[in-house]
PDB file of N, CA and C in Angstrom:
ATOM      1  N   MET A   1       7.036 -21.728  -7.335  1.00  0.00           N
ATOM      2  CA  MET A   1       5.924 -22.093  -6.648  1.00  0.00           C
ATOM      3  C   MET A   1       4.713 -22.225  -7.570  1.00  0.00           C
ATOM      4  N   GLU A   2       3.996 -23.234  -7.565  1.00  0.00           N
ATOM      5  CA  GLU A   2       2.810 -23.535  -8.510  1.00  0.00           C
ATOM      6  C   GLU A   2       1.671 -22.396  -8.028  1.00  0.00           C
ATOM      7  N   GLU A   3       0.908 -22.066  -9.225  1.00  0.00           N
ATOM      8  CA  GLU A   3      -0.323 -21.409  -9.054  1.00  0.00           C
ATOM      9  C   GLU A   3      -1.343 -21.946  -8.001  1.00  0.00           C
ATOM     10  N   SER A   4      -1.482 -23.249  -7.904  1.00  0.00           N
ATOM     11  CA  SER A   4      -2.462 -23.695  -6.996  1.00  0.00           C
ATOM     12  C   SER A   4      -2.008 -23.582  -5.466  1.00  0.00           C
ATOM     13  N   GLU A   5      -0.817 -23.585  -5.267  1.00  0.00           N
ATOM     14  CA  GLU A   5       0.009 -23.356  -3.787  1.00  0.00           C
ATOM     15  C   GLU A   5      -0.361 -21.902  -3.686  1.00  0.00           C
ATOM     16  N   LYS A   6      -0.110 -20.973  -4.498  1.00  0.00           N
ATOM     17  CA  LYS A   6      -0.299 -19.540  -4.284  1.00  0.00           C
ATOM     18  C   LYS A   6      -1.811 -19.389  -4.050  1.00  0.00           C
ATOM     19  N   ASN A   7      -2.824 -19.944  -4.569  1.00  0.00           N
ATOM     20  CA  ASN A   7      -4.289 -19.875  -4.370  1.00  0.00           C
ATOM     21  C   ASN A   7      -4.558 -20.369  -3.050  1.00  0.00           C
ATOM     22  N   GLU A   8      -4.067 -21.527  -2.686  1.00  0.00           N
ATOM     23  CA  GLU A   8      -4.300 -22.239  -1.208  1.00  0.00           C
ATOM     24  C   GLU A   8      -3.930 -21.127  -0.285  1.00  0.00           C
ATOM     25  N   ILE A   9      -2.823 -20.471  -0.481  1.00  0.00           N
ATOM     26  CA  ILE A   9      -2.196 -19.509   0.599  1.00  0.00           C
ATOM     27  C   ILE A   9      -3.206 -18.310   0.680  1.00  0.00           C
ATOM     28  N   LEU A  10      -3.539 -17.878  -0.350  1.00  0.00           N
ATOM     29  CA  LEU A  10      -4.344 -16.766  -0.571  1.00  0.00           C
ATOM     30  C   LEU A  10      -5.744 -17.110   0.153  1.00  0.00           C
ATOM     31  N   GLU A  11      -6.144 -18.333   0.059  1.00  0.00           N
ATOM     32  CA  GLU A  11      -7.597 -18.647   0.582  1.00  0.00           C
ATOM     33  C   GLU A  11      -7.371 -18.748   2.308  1.00  0.00           C
ATOM     34  N   LEU A  12      -6.292 -18.920   2.934  1.00  0.00           N
ATOM     35  CA  LEU A  12      -5.941 -18.951   4.285  1.00  0.00           C
ATOM     36  C   LEU A  12      -6.609 -17.832   5.063  1.00  0.00           C
ATOM     37  N   ASP A  13      -7.260 -18.014   6.310  1.00  0.00           N
ATOM     38  CA  ASP A  13      -7.699 -16.889   6.989  1.00  0.00           C
ATOM     39  C   ASP A  13      -6.304 -16.491   7.806  1.00  0.00           C
ATOM     40  N   GLU A  14      -6.600 -15.357   8.571  1.00  0.00           N
ATOM     41  CA  GLU A  14      -5.387 -14.796   9.241  1.00  0.00           C
ATOM     42  C   GLU A  14      -4.573 -15.594  10.116  1.00  0.00           C
ATOM     43  N   VAL A  15      -5.282 -16.304  11.222  1.00  0.00           N
ATOM     44  CA  VAL A  15      -4.672 -17.399  11.892  1.00  0.00           C
ATOM     45  C   VAL A  15      -3.880 -18.378  11.221  1.00  0.00           C
ATOM     46  N   ASN A  16      -4.348 -19.055  10.120  1.00  0.00           N
ATOM     47  CA  ASN A  16      -3.835 -20.033   9.541  1.00  0.00           C
ATOM     48  C   ASN A  16      -2.489 -19.512   8.756  1.00  0.00           C
ATOM     49  N   THR A  17      -2.648 -18.136   8.133  1.00  0.00           N
ATOM     50  CA  THR A  17      -1.547 -17.464   7.650  1.00  0.00           C
ATOM     51  C   THR A  17      -0.409 -17.333   8.539  1.00  0.00           C
ATOM     52  N   TYR A  18      -0.762 -17.020   9.778  1.00  0.00           N
ATOM     53  CA  TYR A  18       0.116 -16.938  10.878  1.00  0.00           C
ATOM     54  C   TYR A  18       0.960 -18.222  11.126  1.00  0.00           C
ATOM     55  N   PHE A  19       0.077 -19.357  11.089  1.00  0.00           N
ATOM     56  CA  PHE A  19       0.622 -20.718  11.491  1.00  0.00           C
ATOM     57  C   PHE A  19       1.535 -21.179  10.140  1.00  0.00           C
ATOM     58  N   LEU A  20       1.239 -20.673   9.203  1.00  0.00           N
ATOM     59  CA  LEU A  20       1.982 -21.104   7.911  1.00  0.00           C
ATOM     60  C   LEU A  20       3.575 -20.347   8.025  1.00  0.00           C
ATOM     61  N   ILE A  21       3.527 -19.215   8.163  1.00  0.00           N
ATOM     62  CA  ILE A  21       4.594 -18.392   8.219  1.00  0.00           C
ATOM     63  C   ILE A  21       5.408 -18.774   9.239  1.00  0.00           C
ATOM     64  N   ASP A  22       4.959 -18.935  10.696  1.00  0.00           N
ATOM     65  CA  ASP A  22       5.696 -19.367  11.722  1.00  0.00           C
ATOM     66  C   ASP A  22       6.335 -20.861  11.467  1.00  0.00           C
ATOM     67  N   GLU A  23       5.427 -21.740  11.117  1.00  0.00           N
ATOM     68  CA  GLU A  23       5.967 -23.136  10.655  1.00  0.00           C
ATOM     69  C   GLU A  23       7.107 -23.100   9.667  1.00  0.00           C
ATOM     70  N   CYS A  24       6.963 -22.320   8.800  1.00  0.00           N
ATOM     71  CA  CYS A  24       8.184 -21.959   7.593  1.00  0.00           C
ATOM     72  C   CYS A  24       9.330 -21.640   8.232  1.00  0.00           C
ATOM     73  N   GLY A  25       9.249 -20.803   9.255  1.00  0.00           N
ATOM     74  CA  GLY A  25      10.334 -20.134   9.844  1.00  0.00           C
ATOM     75  C   GLY A  25      11.064 -21.159  10.598  1.00  0.00           C
ATOM     76  N   ALA A  26      10.172 -22.036  11.311  1.00  0.00           N
ATOM     77  CA  ALA A  26      10.593 -23.069  12.199  1.00  0.00           C
ATOM     78  C   ALA A  26      11.439 -24.085  11.345  1.00  0.00           C
ATOM     79  N   PHE A  27      10.960 -24.474  10.249  1.00  0.00           N
ATOM     80  CA  PHE A  27      11.619 -25.384   9.307  1.00  0.00           C
ATOM     81  C   PHE A  27      12.802 -24.967   8.861  1.00  0.00           C
ATOM     82  N   ILE A  28      12.817 -23.710   8.232  1.00  0.00           N
ATOM     83  CA  ILE A  28      13.946 -23.068   7.872  1.00  0.00           C
ATOM     84  C   ILE A  28      15.192 -22.914   8.918  1.00  0.00           C
ATOM     85  N   TRP A  29      14.704 -22.589  10.006  1.00  0.00           N
ATOM     86  CA  TRP A  29      15.874 -22.497  11.182  1.00  0.00           C
ATOM     87  C   TRP A  29      16.421 -23.893  11.503  1.00  0.00           C
ATOM     88  N   ARG A  30      15.421 -24.968  11.583  1.00  0.00           N
ATOM     89  CA  ARG A  30      15.886 -26.268  12.095  1.00  0.00           C
ATOM     90  C   ARG A  30      16.634 -26.809  10.991  1.00  0.00           C
ATOM     91  N   MET A  31      16.337 -26.874   9.847  1.00  0.00           N
ATOM     92  CA  MET A  31      17.268 -27.376   8.922  1.00  0.00           C
ATOM     93  C   MET A  31      18.645 -26.918   8.635  1.00  0.00           C
ATOM     94  N   ASN A  32      18.555 -25.559   8.939  1.00  0.00           N
ATOM     95  CA  ASN A  32      19.989 -24.899   8.496  1.00  0.00           C
ATOM     96  C   ASN A  32      20.810 -25.008   9.901  1.00  0.00           C
ATOM     97  N   HIS A  33      20.099 -25.249  11.007  1.00  0.00           N
ATOM     98  CA  HIS A  33      20.813 -25.675  12.277  1.00  0.00           C
ATOM     99  C   HIS A  33      21.248 -26.942  12.335  1.00  0.00           C
ATOM    100  N   GLU A  34      20.443 -27.841  11.730  1.00  0.00           N
ATOM    101  CA  GLU A  34      20.894 -29.148  11.893  1.00  0.00           C
ATOM    102  C   GLU A  34      22.095 -29.460  10.822  1.00  0.00           C
ATOM    103  N   MET A  35      22.105 -28.746   9.683  1.00  0.00           N
ATOM    104  CA  MET A  35      23.140 -28.670   8.566  1.00  0.00           C
ATOM    105  C   MET A  35      24.502 -28.150   9.222  1.00  0.00           C
ATOM    106  N   SER A  36      24.418 -26.954   9.815  1.00  0.00           N
ATOM    107  CA  SER A  36      25.367 -26.561  10.364  1.00  0.00           C
ATOM    108  C   SER A  36      26.245 -27.333  11.445  1.00  0.00           C
ATOM    109  N   HIS A  37      25.382 -28.055  12.189  1.00  0.00           N
ATOM    110  CA  HIS A  37      26.121 -28.973  13.285  1.00  0.00           C
ATOM    111  C   HIS A  37      26.401 -30.411  12.746  1.00  0.00           C
ATOM    112  N   GLY A  38      26.183 -30.558  11.393  1.00  0.00           N
ATOM    113  CA  GLY A  38      26.718 -31.883  10.815  1.00  0.00           C
ATOM    114  C   GLY A  38      25.654 -32.993  11.143  1.00  0.00           C
ATOM    115  N   ARG A  39      24.584 -32.731  11.612  1.00  0.00           N
ATOM    116  CA  ARG A  39      23.540 -33.761  11.877  1.00  0.00           C
ATOM    117  C   ARG A  39      22.695 -34.228  10.564  1.00  0.00           C
ATOM    118  N   ILE A  40      22.929 -33.574   9.548  1.00  0.00           N
ATOM    119  CA  ILE A  40      22.520 -33.867   8.253  1.00  0.00           C
ATOM    120  C   ILE A  40      23.618 -34.215   7.453  1.00  0.00           C
ATOM    121  N   PRO A  41      23.693 -35.414   6.760  1.00  0.00           N
ATOM    122  CA  PRO A  41      24.898 -36.041   6.044  1.00  0.00           C
ATOM    123  C   PRO A  41      25.127 -34.829   4.973  1.00  0.00           C
ATOM    124  N   GLU A  42      26.308 -34.554   4.671  1.00  0.00           N
ATOM    125  CA  GLU A  42      26.920 -33.669   3.675  1.00  0.00           C
ATOM    126  C   GLU A  42      26.360 -33.711   2.369  1.00  0.00           C
ATOM    127  N   GLU A  43      26.189 -35.259   2.092  1.00  0.00           N
ATOM    128  CA  GLU A  43      25.567 -35.327   0.719  1.00  0.00           C
ATOM    129  C   GLU A  43      24.119 -35.121   0.334  1.00  0.00           C
ATOM    130  N   SER A  44      23.435 -34.854   1.658  1.00  0.00           N
ATOM    131  CA  SER A  44      22.173 -34.517   1.559  1.00  0.00           C
ATOM    132  C   SER A  44      21.835 -32.926   1.578  1.00  0.00           C
ATOM    133  N   HIS A  45      22.806 -32.268   1.749  1.00  0.00           N
ATOM    134  CA  HIS A  45      22.557 -30.886   1.646  1.00  0.00           C
ATOM    135  C   HIS A  45      22.097 -30.230   0.727  1.00  0.00           C
ATOM    136  N   PRO A  46      22.572 -30.517  -0.439  1.00  0.00           N
ATOM    137  CA  PRO A  46      21.913 -29.924  -1.866  1.00  0.00           C
ATOM    138  C   PRO A  46      20.389 -30.035  -1.787  1.00  0.00           C
ATOM    139  N   ALA A  47      19.911 -31.302  -1.430  1.00  0.00           N
ATOM    140  CA  ALA A  47      18.256 -31.631  -1.576  1.00  0.00           C
ATOM    141  C   ALA A  47      17.644 -30.911  -0.191  1.00  0.00           C
ATOM    142  N   VAL A  48      18.213 -30.788   0.957  1.00  0.00           N
ATOM    143  CA  VAL A  48      17.714 -30.248   2.077  1.00  0.00           C
ATOM    144  C   VAL A  48      17.614 -28.544   1.795  1.00  0.00           C
ATOM    145  N   GLN A  49      18.761 -27.862   1.026  1.00  0.00           N
ATOM    146  CA  GLN A  49      18.806 -26.717   0.620  1.00  0.00           C
ATOM    147  C   GLN A  49      17.890 -26.391  -0.224  1.00  0.00           C
ATOM    148  N   GLU A  50      17.318 -27.306  -1.087  1.00  0.00           N
ATOM    149  CA  GLU A  50      16.442 -26.951  -2.125  1.00  0.00           C
ATOM    150  C   GLU A  50      14.926 -26.803  -1.381  1.00  0.00           C
ATOM    151  N   ASP A  51      14.971 -27.929  -0.636  1.00  0.00           N
ATOM    152  CA  ASP A  51      13.470 -27.870   0.508  1.00  0.00           C
ATOM    153  C   ASP A  51      13.602 -26.445   1.285  1.00  0.00           C
ATOM    154  N   VAL A  52      14.607 -25.971   1.804  1.00  0.00           N
ATOM    155  CA  VAL A  52      14.588 -24.935   2.670  1.00  0.00           C
ATOM    156  C   VAL A  52      14.221 -23.559   1.773  1.00  0.00           C
ATOM    157  N   ASN A  53      14.753 -23.632   0.391  1.00  0.00           N
ATOM    158  CA  ASN A  53      14.446 -22.798  -0.511  1.00  0.00           C
ATOM    159  C   ASN A  53      13.067 -22.543  -0.976  1.00  0.00           C
ATOM    160  N   ASN A  54      12.362 -23.735  -0.991  1.00  0.00           N
ATOM    161  CA  ASN A  54      11.099 -23.798  -1.547  1.00  0.00           C
ATOM    162  C   ASN A  54      10.048 -23.446  -0.252  1.00  0.00           C
ATOM    163  N   VAL A  55      10.347 -23.887   0.913  1.00  0.00           N
ATOM    164  CA  VAL A  55       9.576 -23.303   1.969  1.00  0.00           C
ATOM    165  C   VAL A  55       9.751 -21.781   2.324  1.00  0.00           C
ATOM    166  N   TYR A  56      11.088 -21.330   1.981  1.00  0.00           N
ATOM    167  CA  TYR A  56      11.179 -19.832   2.049  1.00  0.00           C
ATOM    168  C   TYR A  56      10.259 -19.081   1.139  1.00  0.00           C
ATOM    169  N   GLU A  57      10.437 -19.464  -0.057  1.00  0.00           N
ATOM    170  CA  GLU A  57       9.378 -18.979  -1.166  1.00  0.00           C
ATOM    171  C   GLU A  57       7.825 -19.089  -0.786  1.00  0.00           C
ATOM    172  N   LEU A  58       7.537 -20.018  -0.001  1.00  0.00           N
ATOM    173  CA  LEU A  58       6.082 -20.111   0.459  1.00  0.00           C
ATOM    174  C   LEU A  58       5.830 -19.010   1.378  1.00  0.00           C
ATOM    175  N   GLN A  59       6.820 -19.005   2.500  1.00  0.00           N
ATOM    176  CA  GLN A  59       6.695 -18.032   3.571  1.00  0.00           C
ATOM    177  C   GLN A  59       6.733 -16.644   3.165  1.00  0.00           C
ATOM    178  N   LYS A  60       7.534 -16.232   1.974  1.00  0.00           N
ATOM    179  CA  LYS A  60       7.732 -14.951   1.411  1.00  0.00           C
ATOM    180  C   LYS A  60       6.434 -14.566   0.819  1.00  0.00           C
ATOM    181  N   PHE A  61       5.949 -15.444   0.179  1.00  0.00           N
ATOM    182  CA  PHE A  61       4.558 -15.239  -0.719  1.00  0.00           C
ATOM    183  C   PHE A  61       3.727 -14.910   0.300  1.00  0.00           C
ATOM    184  N   ALA A  62       3.523 -15.644   1.606  1.00  0.00           N
ATOM    185  CA  ALA A  62       2.548 -15.424   2.513  1.00  0.00           C
ATOM    186  C   ALA A  62       2.821 -14.127   3.357  1.00  0.00           C
ATOM    187  N   VAL A  63       3.914 -13.754   3.370  1.00  0.00           N
ATOM    188  CA  VAL A  63       4.133 -12.327   4.054  1.00  0.00           C
ATOM    189  C   VAL A  63       3.824 -11.167   2.818  1.00  0.00           C
ATOM    190  N   ASP A  64       4.271 -11.528   1.743  1.00  0.00           N
ATOM    191  CA  ASP A  64       4.024 -10.386   0.725  1.00  0.00           C
ATOM    192  C   ASP A  64       2.508 -10.109   0.606  1.00  0.00           C
ATOM    193  N   ASN A  65       1.632 -10.964   0.940  1.00  0.00           N
ATOM    194  CA  ASN A  65       0.154 -11.018   0.714  1.00  0.00           C
ATOM    195  C   ASN A  65      -0.640 -10.631   2.098  1.00  0.00           C
ATOM    196  N   LEU A  66       0.253 -10.241   3.299  1.00  0.00           N
ATOM    197  CA  LEU A  66      -0.519  -9.802   4.288  1.00  0.00           C
ATOM    198  C   LEU A  66      -1.191  -8.492   4.139  1.00  0.00           C
ATOM    199  N   GLY A  67      -1.218  -7.828   3.181  1.00  0.00           N
ATOM    200  CA  GLY A  67      -2.030  -6.552   3.077  1.00  0.00           C
ATOM    201  C   GLY A  67      -3.449  -6.982   3.132  1.00  0.00           C
ATOM    202  N   ARG A  68      -3.965  -8.021   2.842  1.00  0.00           N
ATOM    203  CA  ARG A  68      -5.256  -8.482   3.081  1.00  0.00           C
ATOM    204  C   ARG A  68      -5.762  -8.523   4.291  1.00  0.00           C
ATOM    205  N   PHE A  69      -4.680  -8.495   5.188  1.00  0.00           N
ATOM    206  CA  PHE A  69      -5.213  -8.385   6.821  1.00  0.00           C
ATOM    207  C   PHE A  69      -4.669  -7.036   7.380  1.00  0.00           C
ATOM    208  N   ASN A  70      -4.648  -6.021   6.243  1.00  0.00           N
ATOM    209  CA  ASN A  70      -4.016  -4.785   6.813  1.00  0.00           C
ATOM    210  C   ASN A  70      -2.750  -4.768   7.409  1.00  0.00           C
ATOM    211  N   VAL A  71      -1.848  -5.462   6.920  1.00  0.00           N
ATOM    212  CA  VAL A  71      -0.426  -5.368   7.290  1.00  0.00           C
ATOM    213  C   VAL A  71       0.296  -5.141   6.253  1.00  0.00           C
ATOM    214  N   ASP A  72       1.404  -4.191   6.292  1.00  0.00           N
ATOM    215  CA  ASP A  72       2.078  -3.928   5.225  1.00  0.00           C
ATOM    216  C   ASP A  72       3.482  -4.889   5.327  1.00  0.00           C
ATOM    217  N   PRO A  73       3.417  -5.619   4.331  1.00  0.00           N
ATOM    218  CA  PRO A  73       4.681  -6.730   4.190  1.00  0.00           C
ATOM    219  C   PRO A  73       5.898  -6.135   4.189  1.00  0.00           C
ATOM    220  N   GLU A  74       6.208  -4.654   3.685  1.00  0.00           N
ATOM    221  CA  GLU A  74       7.433  -4.330   3.596  1.00  0.00           C
ATOM    222  C   GLU A  74       7.690  -3.838   5.216  1.00  0.00           C
ATOM    223  N   SER A  75       7.064  -3.887   6.120  1.00  0.00           N
ATOM    224  CA  SER A  75       7.260  -3.262   7.423  1.00  0.00           C
ATOM    225  C   SER A  75       8.159  -4.647   8.244  1.00  0.00           C
ATOM    226  N   ALA A  76       8.018  -5.573   7.495  1.00  0.00           N
ATOM    227  CA  ALA A  76       8.938  -6.858   8.024  1.00  0.00           C
ATOM    228  C   ALA A  76      10.269  -6.479   8.101  1.00  0.00           C
ATOM    229  N   MET A  77      10.796  -5.477   7.545  1.00  0.00           N
ATOM    230  CA  MET A  77      12.314  -5.100   7.582  1.00  0.00           C
ATOM    231  C   MET A  77      12.578  -4.542   8.551  1.00  0.00           C
ATOM    232  N   ASP A  78      11.659  -3.876   9.541  1.00  0.00           N
ATOM    233  CA  ASP A  78      11.799  -3.084  10.764  1.00  0.00           C
ATOM    234  C   ASP A  78      11.510  -3.972  11.984  1.00  0.00           C
ATOM    235  N   LYS A  79      12.305  -4.757  12.314  1.00  0.00           N
ATOM    236  CA  LYS A  79      12.207  -5.558  13.606  1.00  0.00           C
ATOM    237  C   LYS A  79      11.801  -5.150  14.895  1.00  0.00           C
ATOM    238  N   GLU A  80      11.910  -3.879  15.034  1.00  0.00           N
ATOM    239  CA  GLU A  80      11.862  -3.313  16.275  1.00  0.00           C
ATOM    240  C   GLU A  80      10.308  -2.712  16.203  1.00  0.00           C
ATOM    241  N   ASN A  81      10.158  -1.879  15.228  1.00  0.00           N
ATOM    242  CA  ASN A  81       8.761  -1.274  15.162  1.00  0.00           C
ATOM    243  C   ASN A  81       7.878  -1.547  13.878  1.00  0.00           C
ATOM    244  N   GLY A  82       8.298  -2.434  13.225  1.00  0.00           N
ATOM    245  CA  GLY A  82       7.461  -2.954  12.075  1.00  0.00           C
ATOM    246  C   GLY A  82       6.098  -3.426  12.268  1.00  0.00           C
ATOM    247  N   GLU A  83       5.122  -2.932  11.620  1.00  0.00           N
ATOM    248  CA  GLU A  83       3.685  -3.487  11.952  1.00  0.00           C
ATOM    249  C   GLU A  83       3.681  -5.009  11.635  1.00  0.00           C
ATOM    250  N   TYR A  84       4.471  -5.519  10.590  1.00  0.00           N
ATOM    251  CA  TYR A  84       4.366  -7.001  10.529  1.00  0.00           C
ATOM    252  C   TYR A  84       5.026  -7.488  11.924  1.00  0.00           C
ATOM    253  N   TRP A  85       6.003  -7.048  12.358  1.00  0.00           N
ATOM    254  CA  TRP A  85       6.557  -7.718  13.757  1.00  0.00           C
ATOM    255  C   TRP A  85       5.353  -7.572  14.934  1.00  0.00           C
ATOM    256  N   LYS A  86       4.618  -6.507  15.000  1.00  0.00           N
ATOM    257  CA  LYS A  86       3.454  -6.306  15.928  1.00  0.00           C
ATOM    258  C   LYS A  86       2.417  -7.271  15.636  1.00  0.00           C
ATOM    259  N   TRP A  87       2.241  -7.596  14.321  1.00  0.00           N
ATOM    260  CA  TRP A  87       1.157  -8.625  14.043  1.00  0.00           C
ATOM    261  C   TRP A  87       1.712 -10.089  14.260  1.00  0.00           C
ATOM    262  N   TYR A  88       2.862 -10.101  14.064  1.00  0.00           N
ATOM    263  CA  TYR A  88       3.656 -11.732  14.217  1.00  0.00           C
ATOM    264  C   TYR A  88       3.512 -11.809  15.806  1.00  0.00           C
ATOM    265  N   ARG A  89       4.001 -11.012  16.592  1.00  0.00           N
ATOM    266  CA  ARG A  89       4.072 -11.276  17.982  1.00  0.00           C
ATOM    267  C   ARG A  89       2.657 -11.187  18.789  1.00  0.00           C
ATOM    268  N   PHE A  90       1.691 -10.344  18.093  1.00  0.00           N
ATOM    269  CA  PHE A  90       0.295 -10.729  18.634  1.00  0.00           C
ATOM    270  C   PHE A  90      -0.128 -12.100  18.461  1.00  0.00           C
ATOM    271  N   TRP A  91      -0.067 -12.738  17.237  1.00  0.00           N
ATOM    272  CA  TRP A  91      -0.271 -14.201  17.048  1.00  0.00           C
ATOM    273  C   TRP A  91       0.597 -14.973  17.996  1.00  0.00           C
ATOM    274  N   ASP A  92       1.958 -14.824  18.015  1.00  0.00           N
ATOM    275  CA  ASP A  92       2.595 -15.786  18.557  1.00  0.00           C
ATOM    276  C   ASP A  92       2.459 -15.712  20.063  1.00  0.00           C
ATOM    277  N   ASN A  93       2.220 -14.647  20.606  1.00  0.00           N
ATOM    278  CA  ASN A  93       1.806 -14.537  22.025  1.00  0.00           C
ATOM    279  C   ASN A  93       0.311 -15.273  22.312  1.00  0.00           C
ATOM    280  N   TRP A  94      -0.570 -15.081  21.352  1.00  0.00           N
ATOM    281  CA  TRP A  94      -1.705 -16.052  21.290  1.00  0.00           C
ATOM    282  C   TRP A  94      -1.521 -17.384  21.550  1.00  0.00           C
ATOM    283  N   LYS A  95      -0.694 -17.788  20.461  1.00  0.00           N
ATOM    284  CA  LYS A  95      -0.395 -19.253  20.310  1.00  0.00           C
ATOM    285  C   LYS A  95       0.262 -19.818  21.790  1.00  0.00           C
ATOM    286  N   LYS A  96       1.053 -19.011  22.195  1.00  0.00           N
ATOM    287  CA  LYS A  96       1.855 -19.516  23.509  1.00  0.00           C
ATOM    288  C   LYS A  96       1.142 -19.448  24.609  1.00  0.00           C
ATOM    289  N   GLY A  97      -0.071 -18.674  24.547  1.00  0.00           N
ATOM    290  CA  GLY A  97      -0.954 -18.627  25.741  1.00  0.00           C
ATOM    291  C   GLY A  97      -2.170 -19.706  25.806  1.00  0.00           C
ATOM    292  N   LEU A  98      -2.093 -20.543  24.748  1.00  0.00           N
ATOM    293  CA  LEU A  98      -3.182 -21.807  24.733  1.00  0.00           C
ATOM    294  C   LEU A  98      -2.777 -22.813  25.489  1.00  0.00           C
ATOM    295  N   SER A  99      -3.930 -22.952  26.327  1.00  0.00           N
ATOM    296  CA  SER A  99      -3.885 -24.246  27.038  1.00  0.00           C
ATOM    297  C   SER A  99      -4.080 -25.562  26.375  1.00  0.00           C
ATOM    298  N   ASP A 100      -3.888 -26.633  26.828  1.00  0.00           N
ATOM    299  CA  ASP A 100      -4.280 -27.822  26.242  1.00  0.00           C
ATOM    300  C   ASP A 100      -5.418 -28.051  25.768  1.00  0.00           C
ATOM    301  N   GLU A 101      -6.540 -27.510  26.430  1.00  0.00           N
ATOM    302  CA  GLU A 101      -7.725 -27.566  26.211  1.00  0.00           C
ATOM    303  C   GLU A 101      -8.133 -26.583  25.127  1.00  0.00           C
ATOM    304  N   ASP A 102      -7.541 -25.443  25.062  1.00  0.00           N
ATOM    305  CA  ASP A 102      -7.620 -24.551  23.963  1.00  0.00           C
ATOM    306  C   ASP A 102      -7.045 -25.079  22.580  1.00  0.00           C
ATOM    307  N   TRP A 103      -5.787 -25.706  22.670  1.00  0.00           N
ATOM    308  CA  TRP A 103      -5.180 -26.378  21.600  1.00  0.00           C
ATOM    309  C   TRP A 103      -6.375 -27.291  20.885  1.00  0.00           C
ATOM    310  N   ASN A 104      -6.867 -28.050  21.795  1.00  0.00           N
ATOM    311  CA  ASN A 104      -7.889 -29.215  21.201  1.00  0.00           C
ATOM    312  C   ASN A 104      -8.797 -28.463  20.371  1.00  0.00           C
ATOM    313  N   LYS A 105      -9.376 -27.323  21.027  1.00  0.00           N
ATOM    314  CA  LYS A 105     -10.464 -26.416  20.403  1.00  0.00           C
ATOM    315  C   LYS A 105      -9.894 -25.963  18.868  1.00  0.00           C
ATOM    316  N   VAL A 106      -8.722 -25.477  19.126  1.00  0.00           N
ATOM    317  CA  VAL A 106      -8.063 -25.035  17.840  1.00  0.00           C
ATOM    318  C   VAL A 106      -8.071 -26.064  16.585  1.00  0.00           C
ATOM    319  N   ASN A 107      -7.474 -27.191  17.250  1.00  0.00           N
ATOM    320  CA  ASN A 107      -7.209 -28.321  16.067  1.00  0.00           C
ATOM    321  C   ASN A 107      -8.615 -28.739  15.600  1.00  0.00           C
ATOM    322  N   TYR A 108      -9.782 -28.835  16.565  1.00  0.00           N
ATOM    323  CA  TYR A 108     -10.982 -29.228  16.020  1.00  0.00           C
ATOM    324  C   TYR A 108     -11.565 -28.355  15.017  1.00  0.00           C
ATOM    325  N   LEU A 109     -11.323 -26.998  15.372  1.00  0.00           N
ATOM    326  CA  LEU A 109     -11.763 -25.806  14.404  1.00  0.00           C
ATOM    327  C   LEU A 109     -11.001 -25.879  13.134  1.00  0.00           C
ATOM    328  N   LEU A 110      -9.687 -26.024  13.096  1.00  0.00           N
ATOM    329  CA  LEU A 110      -8.971 -26.087  12.077  1.00  0.00           C
ATOM    330  C   LEU A 110      -9.212 -27.300  11.174  1.00  0.00           C
ATOM    331  N   GLY A 111      -9.550 -28.346  11.799  1.00  0.00           N
ATOM    332  CA  GLY A 111      -9.794 -29.635  11.245  1.00  0.00           C
ATOM    333  C   GLY A 111      -8.648 -30.340  10.492  1.00  0.00           C
TER     334      GLY A 111
END
């Protein structure tokens, strides 16, 4: 990961950091799922896996730097009681509770 990418991540506010972590997870899951079900041609797997690895690196960097929001990144290891998962579920529930009107406001604000 390049220094400019790291700096961009470190400049994100809390909600955008959540969005980044969540979208990275969705991409990683989807690509692995599609490859495992044969919907991505075998010859493309190395390139797709490289993309998955790069996105994982971005996600890990974002999680490793959650201390700036008072979230212990090491707590991600404890899926039941970890501070990270409480943080993640808070934002995930917030996102899932947004109405279409609320999403329009979020999209406007995030520009």
